[in-house]
Amino acid sequence: MEPMYLSIRQKETGEQIKRLLLQNGYSVKDIQCAMGFENPQAVYKWTSGRSLPSLDNFIILTK
């Protein structure tokens, strides 16, 4: 049996992050502050699918 490799689809993941933020009443500014970021660019990149949060940041987002 060949191994199955999973890949994360950035665009769909970004859309899901954006959807969950809106659904739970969080703004980009809320996430920026919770993560301790000086500016919101990283969060915008996540929600647009241009980049993904690090594993540590994914864990923080889940909480």
PDB file of N, CA and C in Angstrom:
ATOM      1  N   MET A   1       0.846  -1.177   0.000  1.00  0.00           N
ATOM      2  CA  MET A   1       0.000   0.000   0.000  1.00  0.00           C
ATOM      3  C   MET A   1       0.892   1.242   0.000  1.00  0.00           C
ATOM      4  N   GLU A   2       0.591   2.160  -0.906  1.00  0.00           N
ATOM      5  CA  GLU A   2       1.376   3.380  -0.996  1.00  0.00           C
ATOM      6  C   GLU A   2       0.954   4.352   0.095  1.00  0.00           C
ATOM      7  N   PRO A   3       1.921   5.115   0.616  1.00  0.00           N
ATOM      8  CA  PRO A   3       1.555   6.100   1.648  1.00  0.00           C
ATOM      9  C   PRO A   3       0.702   7.214   1.046  1.00  0.00           C
ATOM     10  N   MET A   4      -0.198   7.743   1.861  1.00  0.00           N
ATOM     11  CA  MET A   4      -1.046   8.833   1.421  1.00  0.00           C
ATOM     12  C   MET A   4      -0.484  10.130   2.006  1.00  0.00           C
ATOM     13  N   TYR A   5      -0.250  11.086   1.143  1.00  0.00           N
ATOM     14  CA  TYR A   5       0.267  12.368   1.583  1.00  0.00           C
ATOM     15  C   TYR A   5      -0.854  13.399   1.543  1.00  0.00           C
ATOM     16  N   LEU A   6      -1.014  14.076   2.638  1.00  0.00           N
ATOM     17  CA  LEU A   6      -2.026  15.111   2.724  1.00  0.00           C
ATOM     18  C   LEU A   6      -1.358  16.467   2.545  1.00  0.00           C
ATOM     19  N   SER A   7      -2.039  17.346   1.899  1.00  0.00           N
ATOM     20  CA  SER A   7      -1.515  18.704   1.785  1.00  0.00           C
ATOM     21  C   SER A   7      -2.601  19.674   2.218  1.00  0.00           C
ATOM     22  N   ILE A   8      -2.166  20.773   2.764  1.00  0.00           N
ATOM     23  CA  ILE A   8      -3.098  21.805   3.198  1.00  0.00           C
ATOM     24  C   ILE A   8      -3.330  22.749   2.039  1.00  0.00           C
ATOM     25  N   ARG A   9      -4.571  22.953   1.718  1.00  0.00           N
ATOM     26  CA  ARG A   9      -4.920  23.881   0.636  1.00  0.00           C
ATOM     27  C   ARG A   9      -5.045  25.278   1.238  1.00  0.00           C
ATOM     28  N   GLN A  10      -4.064  26.118   0.934  1.00  0.00           N
ATOM     29  CA  GLN A  10      -3.978  27.434   1.559  1.00  0.00           C
ATOM     30  C   GLN A  10      -5.212  28.289   1.346  1.00  0.00           C
ATOM     31  N   LYS A  11      -5.680  28.377   0.134  1.00  0.00           N
ATOM     32  CA  LYS A  11      -6.821  29.259  -0.157  1.00  0.00           C
ATOM     33  C   LYS A  11      -8.061  28.818   0.623  1.00  0.00           C
ATOM     34  N   GLU A  12      -8.355  27.525   0.599  1.00  0.00           N
ATOM     35  CA  GLU A  12      -9.527  27.017   1.314  1.00  0.00           C
ATOM     36  C   GLU A  12      -9.359  27.167   2.825  1.00  0.00           C
ATOM     37  N   THR A  13      -8.149  26.966   3.305  1.00  0.00           N
ATOM     38  CA  THR A  13      -7.882  27.128   4.736  1.00  0.00           C
ATOM     39  C   THR A  13      -8.076  28.585   5.140  1.00  0.00           C
ATOM     40  N   GLY A  14      -7.588  29.507   4.311  1.00  0.00           N
ATOM     41  CA  GLY A  14      -7.786  30.936   4.576  1.00  0.00           C
ATOM     42  C   GLY A  14      -9.254  31.307   4.620  1.00  0.00           C
ATOM     43  N   GLU A  15     -10.022  30.760   3.683  1.00  0.00           N
ATOM     44  CA  GLU A  15     -11.463  31.027   3.656  1.00  0.00           C
ATOM     45  C   GLU A  15     -12.126  30.486   4.917  1.00  0.00           C
ATOM     46  N   GLN A  16     -11.684  29.330   5.365  1.00  0.00           N
ATOM     47  CA  GLN A  16     -12.250  28.728   6.586  1.00  0.00           C
ATOM     48  C   GLN A  16     -11.889  29.566   7.818  1.00  0.00           C
ATOM     49  N   ILE A  17     -10.653  30.033   7.884  1.00  0.00           N
ATOM     50  CA  ILE A  17     -10.255  30.887   9.008  1.00  0.00           C
ATOM     51  C   ILE A  17     -11.126  32.146   9.026  1.00  0.00           C
ATOM     52  N   LYS A  18     -11.282  32.770   7.870  1.00  0.00           N
ATOM     53  CA  LYS A  18     -12.092  33.991   7.765  1.00  0.00           C
ATOM     54  C   LYS A  18     -13.535  33.719   8.186  1.00  0.00           C
ATOM     55  N   ARG A  19     -14.100  32.618   7.692  1.00  0.00           N
ATOM     56  CA  ARG A  19     -15.480  32.250   8.014  1.00  0.00           C
ATOM     57  C   ARG A  19     -15.649  32.032   9.524  1.00  0.00           C
ATOM     58  N   LEU A  20     -14.702  31.342  10.131  1.00  0.00           N
ATOM     59  CA  LEU A  20     -14.796  31.062  11.565  1.00  0.00           C
ATOM     60  C   LEU A  20     -14.632  32.327  12.403  1.00  0.00           C
ATOM     61  N   LEU A  21     -13.765  33.232  11.969  1.00  0.00           N
ATOM     62  CA  LEU A  21     -13.624  34.500  12.692  1.00  0.00           C
ATOM     63  C   LEU A  21     -14.936  35.260  12.672  1.00  0.00           C
ATOM     64  N   LEU A  22     -15.531  35.388  11.487  1.00  0.00           N
ATOM     65  CA  LEU A  22     -16.798  36.104  11.359  1.00  0.00           C
ATOM     66  C   LEU A  22     -17.910  35.416  12.150  1.00  0.00           C
ATOM     67  N   GLN A  23     -17.973  34.110  12.043  1.00  0.00           N
ATOM     68  CA  GLN A  23     -19.011  33.323  12.713  1.00  0.00           C
ATOM     69  C   GLN A  23     -18.942  33.486  14.231  1.00  0.00           C
ATOM     70  N   ASN A  24     -17.725  33.650  14.750  1.00  0.00           N
ATOM     71  CA  ASN A  24     -17.539  33.761  16.198  1.00  0.00           C
ATOM     72  C   ASN A  24     -17.390  35.203  16.678  1.00  0.00           C
ATOM     73  N   GLY A  25     -17.588  36.146  15.755  1.00  0.00           N
ATOM     74  CA  GLY A  25     -17.593  37.548  16.144  1.00  0.00           C
ATOM     75  C   GLY A  25     -16.224  38.172  16.379  1.00  0.00           C
ATOM     76  N   TYR A  26     -15.182  37.600  15.790  1.00  0.00           N
ATOM     77  CA  TYR A  26     -13.838  38.144  15.957  1.00  0.00           C
ATOM     78  C   TYR A  26     -13.436  38.963  14.742  1.00  0.00           C
ATOM     79  N   SER A  27     -12.753  40.059  14.997  1.00  0.00           N
ATOM     80  CA  SER A  27     -12.224  40.883  13.916  1.00  0.00           C
ATOM     81  C   SER A  27     -10.739  40.568  13.734  1.00  0.00           C
ATOM     82  N   VAL A  28     -10.189  41.044  12.646  1.00  0.00           N
ATOM     83  CA  VAL A  28      -8.748  40.894  12.421  1.00  0.00           C
ATOM     84  C   VAL A  28      -7.993  41.564  13.561  1.00  0.00           C
ATOM     85  N   LYS A  29      -8.482  42.720  13.997  1.00  0.00           N
ATOM     86  CA  LYS A  29      -7.853  43.450  15.113  1.00  0.00           C
ATOM     87  C   LYS A  29      -7.865  42.608  16.392  1.00  0.00           C
ATOM     88  N   ASP A  30      -8.962  41.892  16.653  1.00  0.00           N
ATOM     89  CA  ASP A  30      -9.032  41.011  17.827  1.00  0.00           C
ATOM     90  C   ASP A  30      -7.939  39.955  17.777  1.00  0.00           C
ATOM     91  N   ILE A  31      -7.767  39.338  16.620  1.00  0.00           N
ATOM     92  CA  ILE A  31      -6.766  38.280  16.468  1.00  0.00           C
ATOM     93  C   ILE A  31      -5.364  38.871  16.556  1.00  0.00           C
ATOM     94  N   GLN A  32      -5.175  40.030  15.937  1.00  0.00           N
ATOM     95  CA  GLN A  32      -3.885  40.712  16.002  1.00  0.00           C
ATOM     96  C   GLN A  32      -3.481  40.933  17.460  1.00  0.00           C
ATOM     97  N   CYS A  33      -4.401  41.445  18.253  1.00  0.00           N
ATOM     98  CA  CYS A  33      -4.124  41.711  19.671  1.00  0.00           C
ATOM     99  C   CYS A  33      -3.890  40.432  20.457  1.00  0.00           C
ATOM    100  N   ALA A  34      -4.715  39.409  20.212  1.00  0.00           N
ATOM    101  CA  ALA A  34      -4.568  38.135  20.928  1.00  0.00           C
ATOM    102  C   ALA A  34      -3.226  37.476  20.632  1.00  0.00           C
ATOM    103  N   MET A  35      -2.736  37.655  19.403  1.00  0.00           N
ATOM    104  CA  MET A  35      -1.460  37.057  19.007  1.00  0.00           C
ATOM    105  C   MET A  35      -0.267  37.922  19.407  1.00  0.00           C
ATOM    106  N   GLY A  36      -0.546  39.173  19.772  1.00  0.00           N
ATOM    107  CA  GLY A  36       0.534  40.075  20.145  1.00  0.00           C
ATOM    108  C   GLY A  36       1.288  40.641  18.954  1.00  0.00           C
ATOM    109  N   PHE A  37       0.624  40.679  17.791  1.00  0.00           N
ATOM    110  CA  PHE A  37       1.258  41.221  16.585  1.00  0.00           C
ATOM    111  C   PHE A  37       1.183  42.738  16.606  1.00  0.00           C
ATOM    112  N   GLU A  38       2.226  43.394  16.084  1.00  0.00           N
ATOM    113  CA  GLU A  38       2.221  44.850  16.006  1.00  0.00           C
ATOM    114  C   GLU A  38       1.331  45.364  14.880  1.00  0.00           C
ATOM    115  N   ASN A  39       1.165  44.554  13.827  1.00  0.00           N
ATOM    116  CA  ASN A  39       0.301  44.952  12.715  1.00  0.00           C
ATOM    117  C   ASN A  39      -0.497  43.737  12.237  1.00  0.00           C
ATOM    118  N   PRO A  40      -1.571  43.978  11.493  1.00  0.00           N
ATOM    119  CA  PRO A  40      -2.483  42.892  11.131  1.00  0.00           C
ATOM    120  C   PRO A  40      -2.115  42.126   9.857  1.00  0.00           C
ATOM    121  N   GLN A  41      -0.992  42.442   9.218  1.00  0.00           N
ATOM    122  CA  GLN A  41      -0.674  41.849   7.919  1.00  0.00           C
ATOM    123  C   GLN A  41      -0.688  40.319   7.943  1.00  0.00           C
ATOM    124  N   ALA A  42      -0.149  39.709   8.979  1.00  0.00           N
ATOM    125  CA  ALA A  42      -0.115  38.235   9.035  1.00  0.00           C
ATOM    126  C   ALA A  42      -1.524  37.663   9.025  1.00  0.00           C
ATOM    127  N   VAL A  43      -2.422  38.280   9.793  1.00  0.00           N
ATOM    128  CA  VAL A  43      -3.801  37.783   9.863  1.00  0.00           C
ATOM    129  C   VAL A  43      -4.481  37.934   8.508  1.00  0.00           C
ATOM    130  N   TYR A  44      -4.265  39.067   7.840  1.00  0.00           N
ATOM    131  CA  TYR A  44      -4.839  39.257   6.504  1.00  0.00           C
ATOM    132  C   TYR A  44      -4.289  38.228   5.514  1.00  0.00           C
ATOM    133  N   LYS A  45      -3.020  37.899   5.627  1.00  0.00           N
ATOM    134  CA  LYS A  45      -2.436  36.884   4.746  1.00  0.00           C
ATOM    135  C   LYS A  45      -3.067  35.520   5.005  1.00  0.00           C
ATOM    136  N   TRP A  46      -3.341  35.208   6.271  1.00  0.00           N
ATOM    137  CA  TRP A  46      -3.988  33.924   6.588  1.00  0.00           C
ATOM    138  C   TRP A  46      -5.382  33.871   5.978  1.00  0.00           C
ATOM    139  N   THR A  47      -6.167  34.949   6.175  1.00  0.00           N
ATOM    140  CA  THR A  47      -7.557  34.919   5.715  1.00  0.00           C
ATOM    141  C   THR A  47      -7.672  34.979   4.194  1.00  0.00           C
ATOM    142  N   SER A  48      -6.637  35.472   3.536  1.00  0.00           N
ATOM    143  CA  SER A  48      -6.659  35.515   2.069  1.00  0.00           C
ATOM    144  C   SER A  48      -6.066  34.251   1.458  1.00  0.00           C
ATOM    145  N   GLY A  49      -5.442  33.416   2.299  1.00  0.00           N
ATOM    146  CA  GLY A  49      -4.829  32.196   1.790  1.00  0.00           C
ATOM    147  C   GLY A  49      -3.451  32.405   1.195  1.00  0.00           C
ATOM    148  N   ARG A  50      -2.866  33.597   1.403  1.00  0.00           N
ATOM    149  CA  ARG A  50      -1.516  33.850   0.872  1.00  0.00           C
ATOM    150  C   ARG A  50      -0.441  33.204   1.734  1.00  0.00           C
ATOM    151  N   SER A  51      -0.768  32.930   2.991  1.00  0.00           N
ATOM    152  CA  SER A  51       0.146  32.208   3.872  1.00  0.00           C
ATOM    153  C   SER A  51      -0.690  31.502   4.931  1.00  0.00           C
ATOM    154  N   LEU A  52      -0.051  30.652   5.692  1.00  0.00           N
ATOM    155  CA  LEU A  52      -0.732  29.918   6.751  1.00  0.00           C
ATOM    156  C   LEU A  52      -0.082  30.227   8.094  1.00  0.00           C
ATOM    157  N   PRO A  53      -0.861  30.177   9.167  1.00  0.00           N
ATOM    158  CA  PRO A  53      -0.275  30.366  10.492  1.00  0.00           C
ATOM    159  C   PRO A  53       0.695  29.228  10.808  1.00  0.00           C
ATOM    160  N   SER A  54       1.668  29.521  11.643  1.00  0.00           N
ATOM    161  CA  SER A  54       2.553  28.470  12.128  1.00  0.00           C
ATOM    162  C   SER A  54       1.716  27.506  12.976  1.00  0.00           C
ATOM    163  N   LEU A  55       2.264  26.371  13.272  1.00  0.00           N
ATOM    164  CA  LEU A  55       1.545  25.397  14.102  1.00  0.00           C
ATOM    165  C   LEU A  55       1.201  26.011  15.457  1.00  0.00           C
ATOM    166  N   ASP A  56       2.135  26.751  16.044  1.00  0.00           N
ATOM    167  CA  ASP A  56       1.869  27.404  17.324  1.00  0.00           C
ATOM    168  C   ASP A  56       0.690  28.376  17.205  1.00  0.00           C
ATOM    169  N   ASN A  57       0.666  29.149  16.123  1.00  0.00           N
ATOM    170  CA  ASN A  57      -0.429  30.105  15.943  1.00  0.00           C
ATOM    171  C   ASN A  57      -1.747  29.408  15.641  1.00  0.00           C
ATOM    172  N   PHE A  58      -1.702  28.283  14.941  1.00  0.00           N
ATOM    173  CA  PHE A  58      -2.925  27.503  14.719  1.00  0.00           C
ATOM    174  C   PHE A  58      -3.519  27.077  16.060  1.00  0.00           C
ATOM    175  N   ILE A  59      -2.661  26.643  16.945  1.00  0.00           N
ATOM    176  CA  ILE A  59      -3.125  26.198  18.276  1.00  0.00           C
ATOM    177  C   ILE A  59      -3.758  27.364  19.043  1.00  0.00           C
ATOM    178  N   ILE A  60      -3.124  28.534  18.977  1.00  0.00           N
ATOM    179  CA  ILE A  60      -3.688  29.715  19.641  1.00  0.00           C
ATOM    180  C   ILE A  60      -5.050  30.057  19.021  1.00  0.00           C
ATOM    181  N   LEU A  61      -5.160  29.984  17.712  1.00  0.00           N
ATOM    182  CA  LEU A  61      -6.426  30.286  17.042  1.00  0.00           C
ATOM    183  C   LEU A  61      -7.538  29.344  17.485  1.00  0.00           C
ATOM    184  N   THR A  62      -7.215  28.090  17.739  1.00  0.00           N
ATOM    185  CA  THR A  62      -8.254  27.138  18.126  1.00  0.00           C
ATOM    186  C   THR A  62      -8.833  27.439  19.492  1.00  0.00           C
ATOM    187  N   LYS A  63      -8.105  28.154  20.293  1.00  0.00           N
ATOM    188  CA  LYS A  63      -8.582  28.479  21.645  1.00  0.00           C
ATOM    189  C   LYS A  63      -9.388  29.741  21.585  1.00  0.00           C
TER     190      LYS A  63
END
